């Protein structure tokens, strides 16, 4: 972590400027005034922006699927241009009023949403080229900076009378400048050189559990947001306390990372946080009449933390499978946005029902909790089947089974939910010896020529190895021990054993020697 901290630059967390700007736009009352400053128009801006955001991400993801290099050839200047024009139109809508109000509002929401969609995918692609040892630290810091910017702009607008538009326009420009500098950096490891549905589906398949959990929580968040806005009658009042809660959560997360001096096992984190949030959500509605904002505080802070977890696992998956982050991030984010809109729709319908909404809220929560329980049971059974089926192979290879290889001692799950992306959790043991930002070829291994790299890339492609599993192949080809590999890659021996075990599983082999024979056969 010391190495990651020392090599971090402001550009590495530049996503925070765009993230804060998008959150402020979705809290649209900060830009609206006059007849446009109503819960109905505020909700309209959010819905239209989200739809445009989702459409842009899915369209670009489909466009770059078979040719990831397209993202580098695509002109990037429209990203901040669309956002800024969209912000100006939304800002002007309330001041112009009359018949021009609705066209300006809709046009601004569409342009800003499309621009934000391009930004989301571009940052996911950028982080997907960085080693997860870096992004697992950069993203909590970006979340902290986002929360600080969000709160600063809100307070300056409400208490000092500074026009929100003057503070928001520079944010996408700053994010764009940081993005360009990050893109110019040399990627960690081998960048995604080829695409295709097979690779993309493998990456998304490893994130099935994450996607389902994200859908459930996004639906609940949109549901609570809509109920709170209509209950209080103002987006500002509904969100002031959640802003402070987000800042506190972000500071606590960064403090935890610094205190631990290691990578946080985010797979374990989201398996714990999602059920806790849903249980709290089932309890808090009984206090809805006395303080409706309390439920929104819990959900906003929790969803902010979950957003960081989603980002971390998505970009780790992109790195592992050498898939463009635009594809994985765009699809996961789009589905999340879609379910948030569904939740907002359910919340709006409940506001039309006379009487107390508590019973309906608890009913929605029970349904969400049921889905998560079924998801947990499914993953538990799948994990047990895989452990039972692969323990024999691991023992024949002279390695300990996953449940006994020391991983548990470092807080690692035997079979993380997120599959390939969950490899990020395996780095939890690497406390004091992190991988450098762009690691040179380790001394334990001679430099590889292009033919060697193509050979290992072909094996990884044919057998569906993740990028970090493929990193082990050159060492196995030379008969290196797990200890030597661990020292060269700056990881623990148990992590190396886990990589070797998964290589054996995917290649259907039973020993290191058979892996060496396979490599020689390819050569």
Protein backbone atom coordinates (compact mmCIF):
# COMPACT_ATOMS: atom_id res chain seq x y z
CA UNK A 1 0.00 0.00 0.00
CA UNK A 2 2.90 2.36 0.61
CA UNK A 3 4.02 1.92 -2.99
CA UNK A 4 0.48 2.46 -4.30
CA UNK A 5 0.09 5.57 -2.13
CA UNK A 6 3.40 7.04 -3.32
CA UNK A 7 2.64 6.45 -7.00
CA UNK A 8 -0.89 7.86 -6.86
CA UNK A 9 -1.51 11.17 -8.61
CA UNK A 10 -4.55 13.42 -8.73
CA UNK A 11 -5.35 12.17 -12.25
CA UNK A 12 -5.81 8.64 -10.85
CA UNK A 13 -8.85 9.79 -8.87
CA UNK A 14 -10.07 12.26 -11.51
CA UNK A 15 -13.27 10.23 -11.84
CA UNK A 16 -14.40 12.01 -8.67
CA UNK A 17 -14.97 15.30 -10.52
CA UNK A 18 -17.29 13.66 -13.03
CA UNK A 19 -18.91 11.50 -10.34
CA UNK A 20 -19.72 14.56 -8.21
CA UNK A 21 -21.08 16.43 -11.22
CA UNK A 22 -23.37 13.56 -12.20
CA UNK A 23 -24.68 13.19 -8.65
CA UNK A 24 -25.38 16.94 -8.49
CA UNK A 25 -27.22 16.78 -11.82
CA UNK A 26 -29.38 13.91 -10.65
CA UNK A 27 -30.13 16.03 -7.61
CA UNK A 28 -31.61 18.38 -10.18
CA UNK A 29 -33.18 20.93 -7.81
CA UNK A 30 -29.74 22.49 -7.39
CA UNK A 31 -30.05 23.75 -10.98
CA UNK A 32 -33.81 24.39 -11.17
CA UNK A 33 -35.65 27.51 -10.09
CA UNK A 34 -39.07 29.12 -10.36
CA UNK A 35 -41.88 26.99 -11.74
CA UNK A 36 -39.42 24.18 -12.61
CA UNK A 37 -38.39 23.66 -8.97
CA UNK A 38 -40.96 20.99 -8.09
CA UNK A 39 -40.63 17.29 -7.15
CA UNK A 40 -42.33 16.34 -10.44
CA UNK A 41 -39.85 18.20 -12.66
CA UNK A 42 -36.91 17.11 -10.50
CA UNK A 43 -37.94 13.48 -10.88
CA UNK A 44 -38.41 13.99 -14.62
CA UNK A 45 -34.83 15.22 -15.01
CA UNK A 46 -33.52 12.22 -13.07
CA UNK A 47 -35.54 9.69 -15.09
CA UNK A 48 -34.67 11.15 -18.51
CA UNK A 49 -30.98 11.51 -17.56
CA UNK A 50 -30.83 7.91 -16.35
CA UNK A 51 -32.47 6.57 -19.51
CA UNK A 52 -30.05 8.53 -21.72
CA UNK A 53 -27.14 7.45 -19.52
CA UNK A 54 -28.08 3.78 -19.80
CA UNK A 55 -28.69 3.97 -23.56
CA UNK A 56 -25.29 5.57 -24.24
CA UNK A 57 -23.41 3.00 -22.17
CA UNK A 58 -25.11 0.01 -23.82
CA UNK A 59 -24.66 1.44 -27.32
CA UNK A 60 -20.93 2.05 -26.91
CA UNK A 61 -20.43 -1.30 -25.15
CA UNK A 62 -21.98 -3.08 -28.14
CA UNK A 63 -19.86 -1.02 -30.53
CA UNK A 64 -16.52 -1.87 -28.89
CA UNK A 65 -17.25 -5.51 -28.03
CA UNK A 66 -15.45 -7.08 -30.99
CA UNK A 67 -12.79 -4.39 -31.24
CA UNK A 68 -11.76 -2.94 -27.83
CA UNK A 69 -9.24 -0.62 -29.51
CA UNK A 70 -12.17 1.33 -30.92
CA UNK A 71 -12.55 3.08 -27.59
CA UNK A 72 -9.12 4.66 -28.08
CA UNK A 73 -10.01 5.81 -31.58
CA UNK A 74 -13.35 7.30 -30.56
CA UNK A 75 -13.27 11.13 -30.20
CA UNK A 76 -13.45 11.92 -26.51
CA UNK A 77 -14.10 15.68 -26.58
CA UNK A 78 -17.92 15.24 -26.90
CA UNK A 79 -18.02 13.87 -23.32
CA UNK A 80 -17.52 17.17 -21.47
CA UNK A 81 -19.18 19.16 -24.27
CA UNK A 82 -22.45 17.23 -23.98
CA UNK A 83 -22.46 17.46 -20.20
CA UNK A 84 -21.82 21.20 -20.13
CA UNK A 85 -24.46 21.98 -22.78
CA UNK A 86 -26.93 19.76 -20.93
CA UNK A 87 -26.26 21.54 -17.64
CA UNK A 88 -26.75 24.95 -19.24
CA UNK A 89 -30.09 23.89 -20.76
CA UNK A 90 -31.41 22.51 -17.47
CA UNK A 91 -30.24 25.65 -15.67
CA UNK A 92 -31.98 27.86 -18.24
CA UNK A 93 -35.25 25.92 -18.18
CA UNK A 94 -36.48 27.27 -14.87
CA UNK A 95 -35.45 30.82 -15.68
CA UNK A 96 -37.08 30.88 -19.12
CA UNK A 97 -40.30 29.13 -18.07
CA UNK A 98 -43.40 29.10 -20.22
CA UNK A 99 -43.61 26.81 -23.23
CA UNK A 100 -39.84 26.50 -23.47
CA UNK A 101 -39.51 24.97 -20.01
CA UNK A 102 -40.24 21.36 -20.90
CA UNK A 103 -38.19 21.20 -24.16
CA UNK A 104 -35.18 22.79 -22.45
CA UNK A 105 -35.53 20.47 -19.48
CA UNK A 106 -35.80 17.32 -21.58
CA UNK A 107 -33.06 18.36 -24.00
CA UNK A 108 -30.66 19.22 -21.20
CA UNK A 109 -31.39 15.98 -19.34
CA UNK A 110 -30.77 13.88 -22.48
CA UNK A 111 -27.48 15.60 -23.38
CA UNK A 112 -26.14 15.47 -19.83
CA UNK A 113 -27.20 11.82 -19.46
CA UNK A 114 -25.46 10.80 -22.70
CA UNK A 115 -22.30 12.66 -21.68
CA UNK A 116 -22.28 10.98 -18.29
CA UNK A 117 -22.76 7.60 -19.97
CA UNK A 118 -19.63 8.15 -22.07
CA UNK A 119 -17.76 9.22 -18.94
CA UNK A 120 -18.83 6.17 -16.92
CA UNK A 121 -17.71 3.76 -19.59
CA UNK A 122 -14.47 5.61 -20.30
CA UNK A 123 -13.41 5.61 -16.66
CA UNK A 124 -14.35 1.94 -16.31
CA UNK A 125 -12.16 1.17 -19.33
CA UNK A 126 -9.32 3.27 -17.91
CA UNK A 127 -9.42 1.61 -14.47
CA UNK A 128 -9.79 -1.80 -16.11
CA UNK A 129 -6.27 -1.37 -17.50
CA UNK A 130 -4.83 -0.77 -14.04
CA UNK A 131 -3.84 -3.56 -11.67
CA UNK A 132 -6.51 -4.11 -8.98
CA UNK A 133 -3.84 -3.46 -6.33
CA UNK A 134 -4.07 0.17 -7.44
CA UNK A 135 -7.77 0.58 -8.15
CA UNK A 136 -8.83 -0.97 -4.84
CA UNK A 137 -7.18 2.04 -3.19
CA UNK A 138 -7.91 4.69 -5.82
CA UNK A 139 -11.68 4.12 -5.81
CA UNK A 140 -12.26 4.71 -2.07
CA UNK A 141 -10.17 7.89 -2.36
CA UNK A 142 -12.23 8.94 -5.39
CA UNK A 143 -15.41 8.31 -3.39
CA UNK A 144 -14.11 10.53 -0.57
CA UNK A 145 -13.25 13.33 -3.00
CA UNK A 146 -16.65 12.94 -4.66
CA UNK A 147 -18.51 13.28 -1.38
CA UNK A 148 -16.43 16.32 -0.42
CA UNK A 149 -17.09 18.04 -3.75
CA UNK A 150 -20.78 17.19 -3.59
CA UNK A 151 -21.13 18.66 -0.10
CA UNK A 152 -19.01 21.75 -0.90
CA UNK A 153 -21.05 22.65 -4.00
CA UNK A 154 -24.34 22.09 -2.17
CA UNK A 155 -23.39 24.25 0.82
CA UNK A 156 -21.89 27.00 -1.33
CA UNK A 157 -25.06 27.12 -3.42
CA UNK A 158 -27.53 27.05 -0.54
CA UNK A 159 -25.72 29.15 2.07
CA UNK A 160 -23.48 31.49 0.07
CA UNK A 161 -25.73 32.06 -2.92
CA UNK A 162 -23.11 30.95 -5.46
CA UNK A 163 -24.78 29.83 -8.72
CA UNK A 164 -24.59 26.05 -8.94
CA UNK A 165 -23.88 26.15 -12.67
CA UNK A 166 -20.67 28.12 -12.08
CA UNK A 167 -19.37 25.42 -9.74
CA UNK A 168 -20.53 22.44 -11.79
CA UNK A 169 -19.25 23.37 -15.27
CA UNK A 170 -15.54 23.04 -14.32
CA UNK A 171 -16.06 19.52 -12.92
CA UNK A 172 -16.48 17.58 -16.21
CA UNK A 173 -13.56 19.56 -17.67
CA UNK A 174 -11.33 18.51 -14.77
CA UNK A 175 -12.46 14.90 -15.11
CA UNK A 176 -11.77 14.97 -18.84
CA UNK A 177 -8.25 16.35 -18.34
CA UNK A 178 -7.49 13.61 -15.78
CA UNK A 179 -8.95 10.94 -18.07
CA UNK A 180 -6.72 11.94 -20.97
CA UNK A 181 -3.61 11.77 -18.77
CA UNK A 182 -4.61 8.36 -17.38
CA UNK A 183 -5.19 7.01 -20.88
CA UNK A 184 -1.68 8.10 -21.84
CA UNK A 185 -0.16 5.86 -19.15
CA UNK A 186 1.19 2.44 -20.02
CA UNK A 187 -1.39 -0.24 -19.08
CA UNK A 188 -0.54 -2.67 -16.28
CA UNK A 189 -0.07 -6.11 -17.79
CA UNK A 190 -1.34 -6.89 -21.28
CA UNK A 191 -4.19 -4.70 -22.47
CA UNK A 192 -7.28 -6.22 -24.09
CA UNK A 193 -6.10 -6.68 -27.67
CA UNK A 194 -9.08 -8.63 -28.96
CA UNK A 195 -12.71 -8.88 -28.05
CA UNK A 196 -15.61 -11.14 -28.83
CA UNK A 197 -18.76 -12.41 -27.17
CA UNK A 198 -17.03 -15.44 -25.64
CA UNK A 199 -14.63 -13.37 -23.57
CA UNK A 200 -17.28 -10.81 -22.61
CA UNK A 201 -19.78 -13.47 -21.52
CA UNK A 202 -17.11 -15.19 -19.42
CA UNK A 203 -16.36 -11.90 -17.67
CA UNK A 204 -20.03 -11.09 -17.08
CA UNK A 205 -20.72 -14.68 -15.96
CA UNK A 206 -18.18 -14.23 -13.16
CA UNK A 207 -20.20 -11.25 -11.93
CA UNK A 208 -23.68 -12.80 -11.89
CA UNK A 209 -24.03 -12.61 -8.11
CA UNK A 210 -22.76 -9.05 -8.03
CA UNK A 211 -25.18 -8.04 -10.77
CA UNK A 212 -28.18 -9.55 -8.97
CA UNK A 213 -27.22 -7.92 -5.66
CA UNK A 214 -26.71 -4.61 -7.48
CA UNK A 215 -30.14 -4.87 -9.09
CA UNK A 216 -31.85 -5.49 -5.77
CA UNK A 217 -30.09 -2.67 -3.96
CA UNK A 218 -30.51 -0.23 -6.86
CA UNK A 219 -34.24 -0.92 -6.90
CA UNK A 220 -34.48 -0.28 -3.16
CA UNK A 221 -32.42 2.90 -3.43
CA UNK A 222 -34.61 4.34 -6.21
CA UNK A 223 -37.69 3.33 -4.25
CA UNK A 224 -36.59 5.11 -1.08
CA UNK A 225 -35.34 8.17 -2.99
CA UNK A 226 -38.72 8.72 -4.65
CA UNK A 227 -40.68 8.19 -1.45
CA UNK A 228 -38.47 10.62 0.47
CA UNK A 229 -38.63 13.35 -2.17
CA UNK A 230 -42.43 13.28 -2.32
CA UNK A 231 -42.79 12.92 1.44
CA UNK A 232 -40.59 15.93 2.24
CA UNK A 233 -41.54 17.89 -0.88
CA UNK A 234 -37.99 18.99 -1.64
CA UNK A 235 -34.88 17.27 -2.95
CA UNK A 236 -32.69 19.68 -0.97
CA UNK A 237 -34.25 18.82 2.40
CA UNK A 238 -34.28 15.12 1.56
CA UNK A 239 -30.57 15.05 0.71
CA UNK A 240 -28.75 17.43 3.07
CA UNK A 241 -28.22 14.87 5.86
CA UNK A 242 -27.38 12.02 3.40
CA UNK A 243 -24.63 14.25 1.96
CA UNK A 244 -22.92 14.42 5.34
CA UNK A 245 -23.46 10.67 5.86
CA UNK A 246 -21.80 9.91 2.51
CA UNK A 247 -18.78 11.99 3.49
CA UNK A 248 -18.46 10.19 6.83
CA UNK A 249 -18.74 6.76 5.18
CA UNK A 250 -16.17 7.70 2.53
CA UNK A 251 -13.70 8.95 5.15
CA UNK A 252 -14.20 5.78 7.20
CA UNK A 253 -13.58 3.59 4.14
CA UNK A 254 -10.34 5.38 3.24
CA UNK A 255 -9.26 5.23 6.89
CA UNK A 256 -9.93 1.50 6.93
CA UNK A 257 -7.80 0.98 3.82
CA UNK A 258 -4.93 3.01 5.28
CA UNK A 259 -5.17 1.30 8.67
CA UNK A 260 -5.25 -2.18 7.15
CA UNK A 261 -2.30 -1.34 4.86
CA UNK A 262 -3.65 -3.96 2.48
CA UNK A 263 -6.31 -4.63 -0.08
CA UNK A 264 -9.80 -4.93 1.36
CA UNK A 265 -11.62 -8.13 0.46
CA UNK A 266 -14.51 -6.44 -1.33
CA UNK A 267 -16.20 -9.75 -2.14
CA UNK A 268 -16.67 -10.41 1.55
CA UNK A 269 -17.74 -6.79 2.06
CA UNK A 270 -20.64 -6.86 -0.34
CA UNK A 271 -21.79 -10.29 0.87
CA UNK A 272 -22.16 -8.71 4.32
CA UNK A 273 -23.38 -5.23 3.49
CA UNK A 274 -26.27 -6.08 1.18
CA UNK A 275 -28.24 -8.25 3.65
CA UNK A 276 -27.55 -5.73 6.43
CA UNK A 277 -28.93 -2.89 4.32
CA UNK A 278 -32.06 -4.82 3.42
CA UNK A 279 -32.71 -5.78 7.06
CA UNK A 280 -32.32 -2.14 8.11
CA UNK A 281 -34.62 -1.21 5.29
CA UNK A 282 -37.26 -3.60 6.68
CA UNK A 283 -37.03 -2.06 10.16
CA UNK A 284 -36.82 1.65 9.43
CA UNK A 285 -40.22 1.97 7.67
CA UNK A 286 -41.89 1.61 11.07
CA UNK A 287 -40.38 5.02 11.87
CA UNK A 288 -41.38 6.50 8.52
CA UNK A 289 -43.95 8.98 9.85
CA UNK A 290 -41.66 10.50 12.48
CA UNK A 291 -38.55 10.93 10.32
CA UNK A 292 -38.76 9.89 6.66
CA UNK A 293 -35.29 11.31 5.95
CA UNK A 294 -33.69 8.73 8.27
CA UNK A 295 -34.41 5.92 5.83
CA UNK A 296 -32.90 7.94 2.99
CA UNK A 297 -29.75 8.61 5.07
CA UNK A 298 -29.18 4.89 5.62
CA UNK A 299 -29.86 3.97 2.01
CA UNK A 300 -27.81 6.82 0.49
CA UNK A 301 -24.73 6.14 2.61
CA UNK A 302 -24.98 2.39 2.11
CA UNK A 303 -25.53 2.70 -1.62
CA UNK A 304 -22.52 4.99 -1.91
CA UNK A 305 -20.37 2.34 -0.24
CA UNK A 306 -21.87 -0.37 -2.42
CA UNK A 307 -21.15 1.75 -5.50
CA UNK A 308 -17.44 1.65 -4.64
CA UNK A 309 -17.62 -2.13 -4.27
CA UNK A 310 -19.36 -2.47 -7.65
CA UNK A 311 -16.73 -0.31 -9.32
CA UNK A 312 -13.86 -2.23 -7.74
CA UNK A 313 -15.12 -5.65 -8.76
CA UNK A 314 -16.08 -4.51 -12.27
CA UNK A 315 -12.65 -3.05 -13.04
CA UNK A 316 -10.92 -6.07 -11.44
CA UNK A 317 -13.01 -8.33 -13.69
CA UNK A 318 -12.04 -6.24 -16.73
CA UNK A 319 -8.37 -6.59 -15.83
CA UNK A 320 -8.59 -10.33 -15.12
CA UNK A 321 -10.37 -11.24 -18.35
CA UNK A 322 -8.59 -8.61 -20.48
CA UNK A 323 -12.00 -7.24 -21.51
CA UNK A 324 -12.69 -3.58 -22.14
CA UNK A 325 -14.06 -1.99 -18.98
CA UNK A 326 -16.54 -0.22 -21.19
CA UNK A 327 -18.28 -3.54 -21.85
CA UNK A 328 -18.39 -4.90 -18.30
CA UNK A 329 -18.88 -1.54 -16.60
CA UNK A 330 -21.41 -0.33 -19.15
CA UNK A 331 -23.64 -3.40 -18.87
CA UNK A 332 -23.49 -3.66 -15.07
CA UNK A 333 -24.07 0.06 -14.64
CA UNK A 334 -26.93 0.11 -17.16
CA UNK A 335 -28.74 -2.72 -15.41
CA UNK A 336 -28.25 -0.92 -12.11
CA UNK A 337 -29.72 2.28 -13.55
CA UNK A 338 -32.66 0.38 -15.02
CA UNK A 339 -33.59 -1.15 -11.67
CA UNK A 340 -33.19 2.21 -9.96
CA UNK A 341 -35.79 3.57 -12.36
CA UNK A 342 -38.05 0.62 -11.56
CA UNK A 343 -37.66 1.37 -7.86
CA UNK A 344 -38.53 5.02 -8.45
CA UNK A 345 -41.63 3.95 -10.36
CA UNK A 346 -42.76 1.70 -7.51
CA UNK A 347 -42.12 4.50 -5.03
CA UNK A 348 -44.18 6.95 -7.09
CA UNK A 349 -47.09 4.51 -7.28
CA UNK A 350 -47.02 4.02 -3.51
CA UNK A 351 -47.27 7.80 -2.99
CA UNK A 352 -50.59 7.63 -4.84
CA UNK A 353 -51.97 5.06 -2.39
CA UNK A 354 -53.92 6.70 0.46
CA UNK A 355 -53.01 5.81 4.02
CA UNK A 356 -49.76 4.71 5.61
CA UNK A 357 -47.06 3.45 3.24
CA UNK A 358 -45.16 1.47 5.92
CA UNK A 359 -46.82 -1.87 5.16
CA UNK A 360 -46.11 -1.54 1.44
CA UNK A 361 -42.49 -0.55 2.11
CA UNK A 362 -41.95 -3.58 4.34
CA UNK A 363 -43.54 -5.77 1.66
CA UNK A 364 -41.08 -4.55 -0.95
CA UNK A 365 -38.23 -5.12 1.50
CA UNK A 366 -39.32 -8.68 2.25
CA UNK A 367 -39.36 -9.45 -1.47
CA UNK A 368 -35.83 -8.07 -1.85
CA UNK A 369 -34.62 -10.03 1.17
CA UNK A 370 -36.08 -13.23 -0.29
CA UNK A 371 -34.17 -12.72 -3.55
CA UNK A 372 -30.91 -12.18 -1.65
CA UNK A 373 -31.42 -15.26 0.54
CA UNK A 374 -32.03 -17.41 -2.54
CA UNK A 375 -28.92 -15.91 -4.14
CA UNK A 376 -26.85 -16.73 -1.05
CA UNK A 377 -28.09 -20.34 -0.99
CA UNK A 378 -27.33 -20.74 -4.68
CA UNK A 379 -23.76 -19.54 -4.24
CA UNK A 380 -23.22 -21.68 -1.14
CA UNK A 381 -24.31 -24.83 -2.99
CA UNK A 382 -22.22 -23.92 -6.04
CA UNK A 383 -19.16 -23.31 -3.87
CA UNK A 384 -19.54 -26.66 -2.11
CA UNK A 385 -19.89 -28.53 -5.40
CA UNK A 386 -16.78 -26.92 -6.84
CA UNK A 387 -14.73 -27.56 -3.71
CA UNK A 388 -15.80 -31.21 -3.64
CA UNK A 389 -15.00 -31.65 -7.31
CA UNK A 390 -11.56 -29.98 -7.26
CA UNK A 391 -10.08 -31.04 -3.93
CA UNK A 392 -8.80 -34.27 -5.49
CA UNK A 393 -7.04 -32.43 -8.32
CA UNK A 394 -5.38 -30.02 -5.90
CA UNK A 395 -4.10 -32.86 -3.71
CA UNK A 396 -2.68 -34.74 -6.73
CA UNK A 397 -0.84 -31.55 -7.72
CA UNK A 398 0.79 -31.43 -4.31
CA UNK A 399 -1.20 -28.35 -3.24
CA UNK A 400 -3.65 -27.87 -0.40
CA UNK A 401 -7.36 -27.63 -1.19
CA UNK A 402 -8.66 -24.08 -1.30
CA UNK A 403 -10.35 -24.37 2.08
CA UNK A 404 -7.06 -25.45 3.70
CA UNK A 405 -4.43 -23.45 1.84
CA UNK A 406 -4.16 -20.69 4.37
CA UNK A 407 -6.44 -18.32 2.51
CA UNK A 408 -8.90 -18.20 5.36
CA UNK A 409 -6.17 -16.97 7.63
CA UNK A 410 -5.92 -13.88 5.45
CA UNK A 411 -9.65 -13.23 5.28
CA UNK A 412 -10.13 -14.80 1.85
CA UNK A 413 -13.15 -16.86 0.91
CA UNK A 414 -12.48 -20.29 -0.62
CA UNK A 415 -14.61 -19.41 -3.66
CA UNK A 416 -15.52 -15.72 -3.83
CA UNK A 417 -18.92 -14.89 -5.26
CA UNK A 418 -17.65 -12.69 -8.06
CA UNK A 419 -15.60 -15.41 -9.71
CA UNK A 420 -12.80 -14.03 -11.86
CA UNK A 421 -13.26 -10.49 -10.62
CA UNK A 422 -13.05 -11.70 -7.06
CA UNK A 423 -9.39 -12.48 -7.61
CA UNK A 424 -8.97 -8.99 -6.19
CA UNK A 425 -9.84 -10.42 -2.79
CA UNK A 426 -6.97 -12.86 -3.00
CA UNK A 427 -4.55 -9.96 -2.61
CA UNK A 428 -5.75 -9.36 0.93
CA UNK A 429 -2.63 -11.01 2.28
CA UNK A 430 -0.24 -8.70 0.45
CA UNK A 431 0.06 -6.15 3.24
CA UNK A 432 3.60 -4.87 3.11
CA UNK A 433 4.79 -5.89 -0.34
CA UNK A 434 2.38 -4.51 -2.95
CA UNK A 435 2.97 -4.78 -6.62
CA UNK A 436 4.49 -1.57 -8.04
CA UNK A 437 2.24 0.63 -10.14
CA UNK A 438 3.76 -0.67 -13.39
CA UNK A 439 5.87 -3.65 -12.42
CA UNK A 440 9.03 -4.47 -14.40
CA UNK A 441 9.78 -8.11 -15.30
CA UNK A 442 10.70 -9.77 -11.97
CA UNK A 443 14.31 -10.81 -11.48
CA UNK A 444 13.22 -14.44 -10.98
CA UNK A 445 12.07 -14.66 -14.59
CA UNK A 446 13.99 -13.75 -17.76
CA UNK A 447 12.38 -11.13 -19.99
CA UNK A 448 9.90 -12.66 -22.42
CA UNK A 449 9.95 -12.09 -26.15
CA UNK A 450 6.83 -11.53 -28.23
CA UNK A 451 6.60 -15.21 -29.16
CA UNK A 452 6.49 -16.24 -25.48
CA UNK A 453 3.85 -13.64 -24.70
CA UNK A 454 1.72 -14.81 -27.62
CA UNK A 455 2.09 -18.41 -26.46
CA UNK A 456 0.85 -17.67 -22.93
CA UNK A 457 -1.90 -15.42 -24.30
CA UNK A 458 -3.08 -18.28 -26.55
CA UNK A 459 -3.25 -20.71 -23.61
CA UNK A 460 -5.12 -18.14 -21.50
CA UNK A 461 -7.56 -17.52 -24.35
CA UNK A 462 -8.21 -21.20 -25.05
CA UNK A 463 -8.75 -22.20 -21.44
CA UNK A 464 -10.40 -19.05 -20.10
CA UNK A 465 -7.62 -18.13 -17.67
CA UNK A 466 -7.85 -14.78 -15.95
CA UNK A 467 -5.01 -12.35 -16.45
CA UNK A 468 -3.49 -13.04 -13.04
CA UNK A 469 -3.71 -16.78 -13.57
CA UNK A 470 -1.89 -16.28 -16.87
CA UNK A 471 0.83 -14.35 -15.03
CA UNK A 472 1.79 -17.60 -13.29
CA UNK A 473 2.28 -19.60 -16.52
CA UNK A 474 5.80 -18.33 -17.38
CA UNK A 475 7.01 -19.38 -13.93
CA UNK A 476 5.42 -22.81 -14.18
CA UNK A 477 7.05 -23.27 -17.58
CA UNK A 478 10.43 -22.85 -15.90
CA UNK A 479 9.59 -25.08 -12.95
CA UNK A 480 9.54 -22.30 -10.36
CA UNK A 481 8.21 -23.15 -6.89
CA UNK A 482 5.20 -21.45 -5.32
CA UNK A 483 7.54 -19.55 -2.98
CA UNK A 484 9.62 -18.13 -5.83
CA UNK A 485 6.49 -17.20 -7.81
CA UNK A 486 5.02 -15.48 -4.75
CA UNK A 487 8.15 -13.40 -4.22
CA UNK A 488 8.32 -12.43 -7.88
CA UNK A 489 4.67 -11.40 -8.11
CA UNK A 490 4.52 -9.75 -4.66
CA UNK A 491 1.77 -12.05 -3.38
CA UNK A 492 1.41 -14.73 -0.74
CA UNK A 493 2.17 -18.40 -1.40
CA UNK A 494 -1.46 -19.29 -0.70
CA UNK A 495 -2.53 -16.91 -3.46
CA UNK A 496 -0.13 -18.59 -5.89
CA UNK A 497 -1.47 -22.01 -4.88
CA UNK A 498 -4.98 -20.78 -5.55
CA UNK A 499 -3.97 -19.57 -9.02
CA UNK A 500 -2.29 -22.94 -9.76
CA UNK A 501 -5.32 -24.85 -8.53
CA UNK A 502 -7.61 -22.86 -10.82
CA UNK A 503 -5.25 -23.35 -13.76
CA UNK A 504 -5.45 -27.11 -13.16
CA UNK A 505 -9.25 -26.94 -12.97
CA UNK A 506 -9.63 -25.01 -16.21
CA UNK A 507 -7.10 -27.06 -18.18
CA UNK A 508 -8.45 -30.35 -16.73
CA UNK A 509 -4.91 -31.37 -15.70
CA UNK A 510 -3.69 -32.93 -12.47
CA UNK A 511 -0.11 -31.79 -11.88
CA UNK A 512 2.33 -28.99 -12.53
CA UNK A 513 4.29 -31.26 -14.84
CA UNK A 514 1.24 -31.71 -17.04
CA UNK A 515 0.90 -27.94 -17.23
CA UNK A 516 4.56 -27.70 -18.29
CA UNK A 517 3.92 -30.35 -20.95
CA UNK A 518 0.92 -28.37 -22.18
CA UNK A 519 3.00 -25.20 -22.46
CA UNK A 520 5.73 -27.06 -24.36
CA UNK A 521 3.11 -28.52 -26.68
CA UNK A 522 1.84 -25.05 -27.49
CA UNK A 523 5.41 -23.87 -28.04
